[in-house]
Amino acid sequence: TMLADAIYSDLRQKMAIVEETKILYGAGSASNEPDGVTTTASAFTLTSLSTNSPTNEDCINAALVQLETLNHMGNFVAMNPVDYGNMKIEKDDNGRPIIAADRPGIGGLPVIKTNAITAGYLLVGDMDKMKLRNASDLKIVMGYNLTGDFGKSIVSIRATREIIFYVPSQNQNAFVYDTFENIKSAIEEVAA
């Protein structure tokens, strides 16, 4: 029926949001969650780069260089849509866009715009180094709570799916998760 289809569609969408949050920020096995990418990723630590007045694009490039120095190749950037939007409208001193509006991605990489990444943060990494598998298909169960909801004609609906997600320990430095401000501070050229 149309109602059942609408409920299933809504549950699938909500499940995708929950999974994305767990993959990014999972607290680890003690909470029956995977260790999220951001909890195992490295902070920006490279000290050999510097530039005047660094931009957010400079921060992304610096994070990519850090990955390359550790023999990893970044193949995605994840950021909040507001940060991405601000980068797209940023202008140089002559009023020209720093990033062409029709240019896809940043630095040749696809950008994953997601509200799951807090504004002001970026995640750059090698997606091939994370492992994600479905352990079960999405299961949707509906029923009545016979002690209370049944008499009120309220149906309870539960959606579950088991996933296996991890970043092998030897690849945890294949991801950089930090704030734009921290990276800007690290790469800001000090005036002599």
N, C-alpha and C. Protein backbone atom coordinates (compact mmCIF):
# COMPACT_ATOMS: atom_id res chain seq x y z
N THR A 1 0.84 -1.19 0.00
CA THR A 1 0.00 0.00 0.00
C THR A 1 0.88 1.24 0.00
N MET A 2 0.27 2.38 -0.27
CA MET A 2 1.02 3.63 -0.31
C MET A 2 1.56 4.00 1.07
N LEU A 3 0.80 3.75 2.13
CA LEU A 3 1.26 4.07 3.48
C LEU A 3 2.45 3.22 3.85
N ALA A 4 2.38 1.93 3.58
CA ALA A 4 3.50 1.04 3.89
C ALA A 4 4.75 1.45 3.10
N ASP A 5 4.60 1.78 1.82
CA ASP A 5 5.73 2.23 1.00
C ASP A 5 6.34 3.50 1.57
N ALA A 6 5.51 4.43 2.00
CA ALA A 6 6.00 5.68 2.58
C ALA A 6 6.76 5.42 3.88
N ILE A 7 6.23 4.52 4.71
CA ILE A 7 6.91 4.18 5.98
C ILE A 7 8.25 3.51 5.69
N TYR A 8 8.28 2.54 4.78
CA TYR A 8 9.53 1.86 4.45
C TYR A 8 10.56 2.83 3.88
N SER A 9 10.13 3.72 3.02
CA SER A 9 11.03 4.71 2.43
C SER A 9 11.62 5.62 3.51
N ASP A 10 10.77 6.07 4.42
CA ASP A 10 11.22 6.93 5.51
C ASP A 10 12.20 6.20 6.41
N LEU A 11 11.92 4.94 6.72
CA LEU A 11 12.82 4.17 7.58
C LEU A 11 14.17 3.93 6.90
N ARG A 12 14.16 3.65 5.62
CA ARG A 12 15.42 3.46 4.90
C ARG A 12 16.27 4.74 4.94
N GLN A 13 15.62 5.88 4.76
CA GLN A 13 16.33 7.15 4.78
C GLN A 13 16.90 7.42 6.18
N LYS A 14 16.09 7.19 7.19
CA LYS A 14 16.57 7.40 8.57
C LYS A 14 17.68 6.43 8.92
N MET A 15 17.60 5.18 8.45
CA MET A 15 18.64 4.20 8.71
C MET A 15 19.95 4.63 8.05
N ALA A 16 19.89 5.19 6.86
CA ALA A 16 21.09 5.66 6.17
C ALA A 16 21.77 6.77 6.97
N ILE A 17 20.99 7.66 7.57
CA ILE A 17 21.55 8.74 8.39
C ILE A 17 22.21 8.17 9.64
N VAL A 18 21.56 7.21 10.28
CA VAL A 18 22.14 6.58 11.47
C VAL A 18 23.43 5.87 11.11
N GLU A 19 23.44 5.13 10.02
CA GLU A 19 24.66 4.42 9.60
C GLU A 19 25.79 5.38 9.31
N GLU A 20 25.49 6.47 8.60
CA GLU A 20 26.52 7.46 8.29
C GLU A 20 27.11 8.03 9.58
N THR A 21 26.27 8.33 10.54
CA THR A 21 26.74 8.88 11.81
C THR A 21 27.62 7.87 12.54
N LYS A 22 27.23 6.61 12.57
CA LYS A 22 28.02 5.57 13.24
C LYS A 22 29.35 5.35 12.53
N ILE A 23 29.34 5.38 11.20
CA ILE A 23 30.58 5.19 10.44
C ILE A 23 31.53 6.35 10.70
N LEU A 24 31.01 7.55 10.83
CA LEU A 24 31.86 8.71 11.07
C LEU A 24 32.28 8.84 12.53
N TYR A 25 31.35 8.65 13.47
CA TYR A 25 31.60 9.00 14.87
C TYR A 25 31.43 7.85 15.85
N GLY A 26 31.30 6.62 15.38
CA GLY A 26 31.08 5.48 16.28
C GLY A 26 32.07 5.45 17.43
N ALA A 27 31.57 5.08 18.61
CA ALA A 27 32.38 5.12 19.84
C ALA A 27 33.14 3.83 20.11
N GLY A 28 32.98 2.82 19.29
CA GLY A 28 33.75 1.60 19.48
C GLY A 28 32.96 0.48 20.11
N SER A 29 33.64 -0.64 20.31
CA SER A 29 32.98 -1.89 20.71
C SER A 29 32.28 -1.82 22.06
N ALA A 30 32.73 -0.99 22.97
CA ALA A 30 32.08 -0.91 24.28
C ALA A 30 30.61 -0.50 24.14
N SER A 31 30.29 0.24 23.11
CA SER A 31 28.91 0.69 22.90
C SER A 31 28.23 -0.07 21.77
N ASN A 32 28.83 -1.22 21.37
CA ASN A 32 28.29 -2.03 20.29
C ASN A 32 28.19 -1.24 18.99
N GLU A 33 29.17 -0.36 18.77
CA GLU A 33 29.26 0.44 17.56
C GLU A 33 30.64 0.24 16.96
N PRO A 34 30.80 0.51 15.68
CA PRO A 34 32.15 0.49 15.13
C PRO A 34 32.95 1.70 15.61
N ASP A 35 34.27 1.60 15.55
CA ASP A 35 35.10 2.79 15.75
C ASP A 35 34.91 3.65 14.51
N GLY A 36 34.41 4.87 14.68
CA GLY A 36 34.16 5.74 13.55
C GLY A 36 35.44 6.24 12.92
N VAL A 37 35.35 6.63 11.65
CA VAL A 37 36.52 7.14 10.93
C VAL A 37 37.11 8.34 11.66
N THR A 38 36.28 9.25 12.13
CA THR A 38 36.81 10.46 12.77
C THR A 38 37.46 10.15 14.11
N THR A 39 37.06 9.06 14.76
CA THR A 39 37.66 8.73 16.06
C THR A 39 39.01 8.04 15.90
N THR A 40 39.27 7.48 14.72
CA THR A 40 40.56 6.82 14.49
C THR A 40 41.48 7.60 13.56
N ALA A 41 40.95 8.61 12.89
CA ALA A 41 41.75 9.39 11.93
C ALA A 41 42.81 10.21 12.66
N SER A 42 43.82 10.59 11.91
CA SER A 42 44.88 11.45 12.44
C SER A 42 44.46 12.91 12.38
N ALA A 43 44.95 13.67 13.31
CA ALA A 43 44.82 15.13 13.22
C ALA A 43 45.89 15.61 12.23
N PHE A 44 45.78 16.84 11.79
CA PHE A 44 46.80 17.40 10.90
C PHE A 44 48.05 17.67 11.72
N THR A 45 49.19 17.13 11.28
CA THR A 45 50.44 17.29 12.04
C THR A 45 51.62 17.73 11.18
N LEU A 46 51.45 17.83 9.88
CA LEU A 46 52.55 18.16 8.98
C LEU A 46 53.05 19.57 9.26
N THR A 47 54.35 19.72 9.43
CA THR A 47 54.93 21.03 9.77
C THR A 47 55.77 21.64 8.66
N SER A 48 55.87 20.98 7.51
CA SER A 48 56.77 21.45 6.46
C SER A 48 56.08 22.25 5.36
N LEU A 49 54.83 22.62 5.55
CA LEU A 49 54.10 23.43 4.57
C LEU A 49 53.82 24.81 5.15
N SER A 50 53.86 25.83 4.29
CA SER A 50 53.46 27.16 4.77
C SER A 50 53.02 28.02 3.59
N THR A 51 52.10 28.94 3.89
CA THR A 51 51.59 29.86 2.89
C THR A 51 51.03 31.09 3.60
N ASN A 52 50.95 32.19 2.86
CA ASN A 52 50.34 33.40 3.41
C ASN A 52 48.82 33.28 3.31
N SER A 53 48.12 33.74 4.31
CA SER A 53 46.66 33.79 4.31
C SER A 53 46.01 32.52 3.76
N PRO A 54 46.22 31.39 4.43
CA PRO A 54 45.67 30.13 3.91
C PRO A 54 44.15 30.14 3.83
N THR A 55 43.66 29.48 2.79
CA THR A 55 42.21 29.34 2.58
C THR A 55 41.80 27.91 2.98
N ASN A 56 40.50 27.66 2.95
CA ASN A 56 40.04 26.30 3.24
C ASN A 56 40.53 25.32 2.18
N GLU A 57 40.65 25.77 0.94
CA GLU A 57 41.19 24.88 -0.10
C GLU A 57 42.65 24.55 0.21
N ASP A 58 43.41 25.51 0.72
CA ASP A 58 44.79 25.23 1.13
C ASP A 58 44.82 24.16 2.23
N CYS A 59 43.84 24.22 3.13
CA CYS A 59 43.77 23.23 4.21
C CYS A 59 43.54 21.83 3.65
N ILE A 60 42.67 21.72 2.67
CA ILE A 60 42.40 20.42 2.05
C ILE A 60 43.66 19.92 1.35
N ASN A 61 44.32 20.80 0.60
CA ASN A 61 45.56 20.39 -0.07
C ASN A 61 46.64 19.98 0.92
N ALA A 62 46.74 20.68 2.05
CA ALA A 62 47.72 20.33 3.07
C ALA A 62 47.41 18.95 3.67
N ALA A 63 46.14 18.68 3.92
CA ALA A 63 45.75 17.36 4.45
C ALA A 63 46.09 16.27 3.43
N LEU A 64 45.88 16.54 2.15
CA LEU A 64 46.23 15.57 1.11
C LEU A 64 47.74 15.32 1.08
N VAL A 65 48.52 16.37 1.24
CA VAL A 65 49.98 16.21 1.27
C VAL A 65 50.38 15.35 2.47
N GLN A 66 49.74 15.57 3.63
CA GLN A 66 50.05 14.74 4.80
C GLN A 66 49.80 13.26 4.47
N LEU A 67 48.69 12.97 3.81
CA LEU A 67 48.40 11.58 3.44
C LEU A 67 49.47 11.03 2.51
N GLU A 68 49.88 11.84 1.53
CA GLU A 68 50.89 11.39 0.57
C GLU A 68 52.23 11.13 1.25
N THR A 69 52.58 11.91 2.26
CA THR A 69 53.85 11.67 2.97
C THR A 69 53.79 10.35 3.74
N LEU A 70 52.60 9.83 3.97
CA LEU A 70 52.43 8.55 4.67
C LEU A 70 52.07 7.43 3.70
N ASN A 71 52.30 7.69 2.39
CA ASN A 71 52.07 6.71 1.32
C ASN A 71 50.61 6.33 1.13
N HIS A 72 49.73 7.28 1.35
CA HIS A 72 48.31 7.08 1.07
C HIS A 72 47.88 8.12 0.04
N MET A 73 46.87 7.77 -0.75
CA MET A 73 46.35 8.69 -1.75
C MET A 73 44.92 9.07 -1.38
N GLY A 74 44.71 10.32 -1.02
CA GLY A 74 43.37 10.78 -0.71
C GLY A 74 42.48 10.71 -1.93
N ASN A 75 41.25 10.22 -1.75
CA ASN A 75 40.34 10.16 -2.89
C ASN A 75 38.96 10.72 -2.56
N PHE A 76 38.84 11.41 -1.41
CA PHE A 76 37.58 12.09 -1.10
C PHE A 76 37.83 13.16 -0.05
N VAL A 77 36.93 14.13 -0.06
CA VAL A 77 36.87 15.17 0.96
C VAL A 77 35.44 15.18 1.46
N ALA A 78 35.26 15.14 2.78
CA ALA A 78 33.92 15.25 3.36
C ALA A 78 33.89 16.52 4.21
N MET A 79 32.83 17.30 4.01
CA MET A 79 32.69 18.54 4.77
C MET A 79 31.24 18.94 4.88
N ASN A 80 30.98 19.85 5.76
CA ASN A 80 29.64 20.38 5.95
C ASN A 80 29.24 21.20 4.71
N PRO A 81 28.00 21.13 4.29
CA PRO A 81 27.57 21.91 3.12
C PRO A 81 27.80 23.41 3.26
N VAL A 82 27.73 23.93 4.47
CA VAL A 82 27.96 25.37 4.67
C VAL A 82 29.42 25.72 4.35
N ASP A 83 30.37 24.89 4.82
CA ASP A 83 31.78 25.15 4.52
C ASP A 83 32.03 25.07 3.02
N TYR A 84 31.43 24.08 2.36
CA TYR A 84 31.60 23.96 0.92
C TYR A 84 31.01 25.17 0.20
N GLY A 85 29.82 25.57 0.62
CA GLY A 85 29.20 26.74 0.01
C GLY A 85 30.04 28.00 0.18
N ASN A 86 30.60 28.18 1.37
CA ASN A 86 31.47 29.34 1.61
C ASN A 86 32.72 29.30 0.74
N MET A 87 33.26 28.11 0.52
CA MET A 87 34.43 27.99 -0.36
C MET A 87 34.06 28.37 -1.79
N LYS A 88 32.88 27.97 -2.23
CA LYS A 88 32.48 28.25 -3.61
C LYS A 88 32.22 29.74 -3.86
N ILE A 89 31.87 30.50 -2.81
CA ILE A 89 31.61 31.94 -3.02
C ILE A 89 32.77 32.82 -2.58
N GLU A 90 33.86 32.20 -2.09
CA GLU A 90 35.03 32.97 -1.66
C GLU A 90 35.69 33.66 -2.85
N LYS A 91 36.10 34.90 -2.67
CA LYS A 91 36.69 35.70 -3.75
C LYS A 91 38.14 36.07 -3.41
N ASP A 92 38.93 36.27 -4.47
CA ASP A 92 40.30 36.75 -4.27
C ASP A 92 40.27 38.28 -4.13
N ASP A 93 41.44 38.89 -4.03
CA ASP A 93 41.52 40.34 -3.83
C ASP A 93 40.94 41.14 -4.98
N ASN A 94 40.81 40.52 -6.16
CA ASN A 94 40.26 41.20 -7.33
C ASN A 94 38.77 40.90 -7.53
N GLY A 95 38.16 40.21 -6.56
CA GLY A 95 36.73 39.93 -6.65
C GLY A 95 36.38 38.72 -7.50
N ARG A 96 37.38 37.96 -7.92
CA ARG A 96 37.13 36.76 -8.73
C ARG A 96 36.99 35.55 -7.81
N PRO A 97 36.11 34.61 -8.17
CA PRO A 97 35.96 33.39 -7.35
C PRO A 97 37.28 32.63 -7.28
N ILE A 98 37.62 32.15 -6.09
CA ILE A 98 38.83 31.35 -5.93
C ILE A 98 38.61 29.97 -6.55
N ILE A 99 37.43 29.42 -6.36
CA ILE A 99 37.07 28.13 -6.95
C ILE A 99 35.97 28.40 -7.97
N ALA A 100 36.23 28.01 -9.21
CA ALA A 100 35.23 28.24 -10.26
C ALA A 100 33.92 27.54 -9.90
N ALA A 101 32.82 28.25 -10.05
CA ALA A 101 31.51 27.72 -9.67
C ALA A 101 31.15 26.45 -10.42
N ASP A 102 31.65 26.31 -11.65
CA ASP A 102 31.32 25.13 -12.45
C ASP A 102 32.34 24.00 -12.28
N ARG A 103 33.34 24.22 -11.45
CA ARG A 103 34.38 23.21 -11.24
C ARG A 103 33.89 22.18 -10.23
N PRO A 104 33.79 20.91 -10.61
CA PRO A 104 33.33 19.90 -9.65
C PRO A 104 34.44 19.54 -8.66
N GLY A 105 34.04 19.28 -7.45
CA GLY A 105 35.00 18.83 -6.45
C GLY A 105 36.00 19.89 -6.05
N ILE A 106 37.00 19.45 -5.33
CA ILE A 106 38.08 20.33 -4.87
C ILE A 106 39.39 19.56 -5.04
N GLY A 107 40.34 20.20 -5.67
CA GLY A 107 41.63 19.55 -5.88
C GLY A 107 41.51 18.27 -6.69
N GLY A 108 40.49 18.20 -7.55
CA GLY A 108 40.29 17.01 -8.37
C GLY A 108 39.60 15.88 -7.63
N LEU A 109 39.23 16.08 -6.39
CA LEU A 109 38.58 15.04 -5.60
C LEU A 109 37.09 15.32 -5.46
N PRO A 110 36.30 14.25 -5.37
CA PRO A 110 34.88 14.46 -5.10
C PRO A 110 34.68 14.98 -3.69
N VAL A 111 33.68 15.82 -3.51
CA VAL A 111 33.35 16.35 -2.20
C VAL A 111 32.06 15.70 -1.73
N ILE A 112 32.12 15.13 -0.54
CA ILE A 112 30.92 14.58 0.09
C ILE A 112 30.41 15.66 1.02
N LYS A 113 29.30 16.27 0.64
CA LYS A 113 28.70 17.31 1.48
C LYS A 113 27.70 16.64 2.40
N THR A 114 27.93 16.75 3.70
CA THR A 114 27.06 16.07 4.64
C THR A 114 26.94 16.87 5.93
N ASN A 115 25.73 16.94 6.43
CA ASN A 115 25.50 17.59 7.72
C ASN A 115 26.06 16.78 8.87
N ALA A 116 26.47 15.54 8.60
CA ALA A 116 27.08 14.72 9.65
C ALA A 116 28.46 15.23 10.03
N ILE A 117 29.12 15.98 9.14
CA ILE A 117 30.40 16.61 9.48
C ILE A 117 30.08 17.98 10.04
N THR A 118 30.56 18.24 11.24
CA THR A 118 30.33 19.51 11.91
C THR A 118 30.95 20.65 11.10
N ALA A 119 30.24 21.75 10.96
CA ALA A 119 30.79 22.92 10.26
C ALA A 119 32.12 23.30 10.90
N GLY A 120 33.09 23.63 10.06
CA GLY A 120 34.41 23.99 10.54
C GLY A 120 35.40 22.84 10.52
N TYR A 121 34.93 21.63 10.26
CA TYR A 121 35.79 20.43 10.21
C TYR A 121 35.87 19.90 8.79
N LEU A 122 36.92 19.14 8.52
CA LEU A 122 37.04 18.43 7.26
C LEU A 122 37.57 17.04 7.52
N LEU A 123 37.18 16.12 6.67
CA LEU A 123 37.69 14.75 6.68
C LEU A 123 38.20 14.48 5.29
N VAL A 124 39.48 14.13 5.20
CA VAL A 124 40.11 13.81 3.92
C VAL A 124 40.72 12.44 4.08
N GLY A 125 40.58 11.60 3.06
CA GLY A 125 41.16 10.28 3.22
C GLY A 125 41.10 9.42 1.98
N ASP A 126 41.53 8.19 2.18
CA ASP A 126 41.55 7.18 1.14
C ASP A 126 40.44 6.19 1.45
N MET A 127 39.32 6.33 0.76
CA MET A 127 38.14 5.52 1.03
C MET A 127 38.41 4.02 0.84
N ASP A 128 39.42 3.70 0.01
CA ASP A 128 39.75 2.30 -0.22
C ASP A 128 40.32 1.63 1.04
N LYS A 129 40.74 2.41 2.00
CA LYS A 129 41.35 1.87 3.22
C LYS A 129 40.33 1.59 4.33
N MET A 130 39.05 1.93 4.10
CA MET A 130 38.02 1.58 5.08
C MET A 130 37.24 0.39 4.54
N LYS A 131 36.81 -0.45 5.45
CA LYS A 131 36.10 -1.66 5.07
C LYS A 131 34.66 -1.58 5.57
N LEU A 132 33.70 -1.72 4.65
CA LEU A 132 32.29 -1.66 4.99
C LEU A 132 31.57 -2.79 4.26
N ARG A 133 30.85 -3.59 5.06
CA ARG A 133 30.07 -4.69 4.51
C ARG A 133 28.72 -4.73 5.20
N ASN A 134 27.69 -5.13 4.50
CA ASN A 134 26.40 -5.40 5.12
C ASN A 134 26.43 -6.81 5.69
N ALA A 135 26.17 -6.93 6.98
CA ALA A 135 26.08 -8.25 7.61
C ALA A 135 24.66 -8.78 7.48
N SER A 136 23.71 -7.90 7.29
CA SER A 136 22.32 -8.31 7.07
C SER A 136 21.60 -7.23 6.28
N ASP A 137 20.56 -7.64 5.61
CA ASP A 137 19.72 -6.68 4.90
C ASP A 137 18.90 -5.88 5.91
N LEU A 138 18.31 -4.80 5.45
CA LEU A 138 17.43 -4.00 6.29
C LEU A 138 16.22 -4.84 6.68
N LYS A 139 15.97 -4.92 7.97
CA LYS A 139 14.82 -5.67 8.47
C LYS A 139 13.84 -4.68 9.10
N ILE A 140 12.61 -4.74 8.66
CA ILE A 140 11.57 -3.87 9.20
C ILE A 140 10.50 -4.76 9.82
N VAL A 141 10.25 -4.54 11.12
CA VAL A 141 9.29 -5.36 11.86
C VAL A 141 8.23 -4.42 12.42
N MET A 142 6.97 -4.83 12.27
CA MET A 142 5.87 -4.05 12.83
C MET A 142 5.07 -4.94 13.77
N GLY A 143 4.55 -4.33 14.84
CA GLY A 143 3.74 -5.10 15.77
C GLY A 143 3.09 -4.21 16.80
N TYR A 144 2.24 -4.83 17.60
CA TYR A 144 1.56 -4.13 18.68
C TYR A 144 2.24 -4.44 20.00
N ASN A 145 2.31 -3.47 20.87
CA ASN A 145 2.73 -3.69 22.24
C ASN A 145 1.47 -4.09 22.99
N LEU A 146 1.38 -5.35 23.33
CA LEU A 146 0.14 -5.88 23.91
C LEU A 146 -0.15 -5.34 25.30
N THR A 147 0.81 -4.72 25.96
CA THR A 147 0.56 -4.18 27.30
C THR A 147 0.08 -2.74 27.27
N GLY A 148 0.14 -2.08 26.13
CA GLY A 148 -0.28 -0.67 26.16
C GLY A 148 -0.78 -0.15 24.83
N ASP A 149 0.04 -0.31 23.79
CA ASP A 149 -0.29 0.30 22.51
C ASP A 149 -1.46 -0.38 21.80
N PHE A 150 -1.65 -1.68 22.03
CA PHE A 150 -2.69 -2.42 21.30
C PHE A 150 -4.07 -1.81 21.52
N GLY A 151 -4.37 -1.49 22.77
CA GLY A 151 -5.68 -0.91 23.08
C GLY A 151 -5.85 0.47 22.47
N LYS A 152 -4.74 1.12 22.17
CA LYS A 152 -4.79 2.47 21.58
C LYS A 152 -4.64 2.42 20.06
N SER A 153 -4.55 1.20 19.52
CA SER A 153 -4.35 1.01 18.07
C SER A 153 -3.07 1.66 17.57
N ILE A 154 -2.02 1.60 18.38
CA ILE A 154 -0.72 2.15 18.00
C ILE A 154 0.18 0.98 17.58
N VAL A 155 0.78 1.10 16.42
CA VAL A 155 1.68 0.08 15.90
C VAL A 155 3.12 0.55 16.12
N SER A 156 3.95 -0.34 16.65
CA SER A 156 5.38 -0.04 16.80
C SER A 156 6.10 -0.58 15.58
N ILE A 157 7.06 0.19 15.09
CA ILE A 157 7.84 -0.22 13.91
C ILE A 157 9.31 -0.13 14.27
N ARG A 158 10.05 -1.18 13.94
CA ARG A 158 11.49 -1.21 14.23
C ARG A 158 12.23 -1.57 12.95
N ALA A 159 13.29 -0.83 12.68
CA ALA A 159 14.15 -1.12 11.53
C ALA A 159 15.55 -1.43 12.04
N THR A 160 16.15 -2.50 11.53
CA THR A 160 17.51 -2.86 11.93
C THR A 160 18.29 -3.31 10.70
N ARG A 161 19.57 -3.08 10.75
CA ARG A 161 20.50 -3.62 9.77
C ARG A 161 21.84 -3.73 10.47
N GLU A 162 22.51 -4.80 10.23
CA GLU A 162 23.84 -4.99 10.81
C GLU A 162 24.87 -4.70 9.74
N ILE A 163 25.84 -3.89 10.11
CA ILE A 163 26.95 -3.59 9.20
C ILE A 163 28.26 -3.97 9.88
N ILE A 164 29.23 -4.25 9.07
CA ILE A 164 30.59 -4.47 9.56
C ILE A 164 31.41 -3.32 8.98
N PHE A 165 31.98 -2.53 9.85
CA PHE A 165 32.78 -1.40 9.40
C PHE A 165 34.03 -1.32 10.26
N TYR A 166 35.16 -1.12 9.62
CA TYR A 166 36.40 -0.90 10.36
C TYR A 166 37.45 -0.29 9.44
N VAL A 167 38.41 0.34 10.07
CA VAL A 167 39.60 0.81 9.39
C VAL A 167 40.76 0.02 9.99
N PRO A 168 41.43 -0.82 9.20
CA PRO A 168 42.54 -1.59 9.76
C PRO A 168 43.57 -0.67 10.42
N SER A 169 44.15 -1.12 11.51
CA SER A 169 45.04 -0.24 12.29
C SER A 169 46.19 0.30 11.45
N GLN A 170 46.70 -0.46 10.49
CA GLN A 170 47.81 0.03 9.67
C GLN A 170 47.37 1.13 8.69
N ASN A 171 46.05 1.34 8.57
CA ASN A 171 45.54 2.36 7.64
C ASN A 171 44.86 3.53 8.33
N GLN A 172 44.93 3.60 9.64
CA GLN A 172 44.23 4.68 10.33
C GLN A 172 44.83 6.05 10.01
N ASN A 173 46.10 6.08 9.59
CA ASN A 173 46.69 7.36 9.20
C ASN A 173 46.37 7.70 7.74
N ALA A 174 45.46 6.95 7.11
CA ALA A 174 45.01 7.25 5.75
C ALA A 174 43.87 8.25 5.75
N PHE A 175 43.57 8.81 6.93
CA PHE A 175 42.49 9.78 7.09
C PHE A 175 42.96 10.93 7.97
N VAL A 176 42.60 12.14 7.58
CA VAL A 176 42.88 13.33 8.38
C VAL A 176 41.54 13.96 8.73
N TYR A 177 41.33 14.15 10.02
CA TYR A 177 40.11 14.81 10.51
C TYR A 177 40.55 15.92 11.45
N ASP A 178 40.25 17.14 11.08
CA ASP A 178 40.67 18.28 11.90
C ASP A 178 39.83 19.49 11.50
N THR A 179 40.05 20.59 12.21
CA THR A 179 39.33 21.80 11.87
C THR A 179 40.11 22.59 10.83
N PHE A 180 39.39 23.36 10.04
CA PHE A 180 40.06 24.25 9.10
C PHE A 180 40.97 25.21 9.86
N GLU A 181 40.50 25.71 10.99
CA GLU A 181 41.29 26.69 11.76
C GLU A 181 42.60 26.09 12.27
N ASN A 182 42.58 24.85 12.76
CA ASN A 182 43.82 24.21 13.22
C ASN A 182 44.81 24.06 12.08
N ILE A 183 44.32 23.66 10.92
CA ILE A 183 45.22 23.47 9.78
C ILE A 183 45.73 24.83 9.29
N LYS A 184 44.86 25.84 9.26
CA LYS A 184 45.32 27.18 8.87
C LYS A 184 46.42 27.67 9.79
N SER A 185 46.26 27.47 11.08
CA SER A 185 47.29 27.88 12.06
C SER A 185 48.59 27.15 11.79
N ALA A 186 48.50 25.88 11.44
CA ALA A 186 49.71 25.07 11.22
C ALA A 186 50.45 25.47 9.96
N ILE A 187 49.73 25.92 8.91
CA ILE A 187 50.39 26.23 7.64
C ILE A 187 50.55 27.73 7.39
N GLU A 188 50.10 28.56 8.32
CA GLU A 188 50.24 30.02 8.17
C GLU A 188 51.72 30.37 8.19
N GLU A 189 52.15 31.06 7.14
CA GLU A 189 53.53 31.49 7.07
C GLU A 189 53.80 32.56 8.11
N VAL A 190 54.82 32.34 8.90
CA VAL A 190 55.16 33.30 9.96
C VAL A 190 55.98 34.43 9.33
N ALA A 191 55.54 35.67 9.57
CA ALA A 191 56.26 36.84 9.04
C ALA A 191 57.62 36.94 9.72
N ALA A 192 58.62 37.24 8.91
CA ALA A 192 60.00 37.32 9.44
C ALA A 192 60.26 38.67 10.06
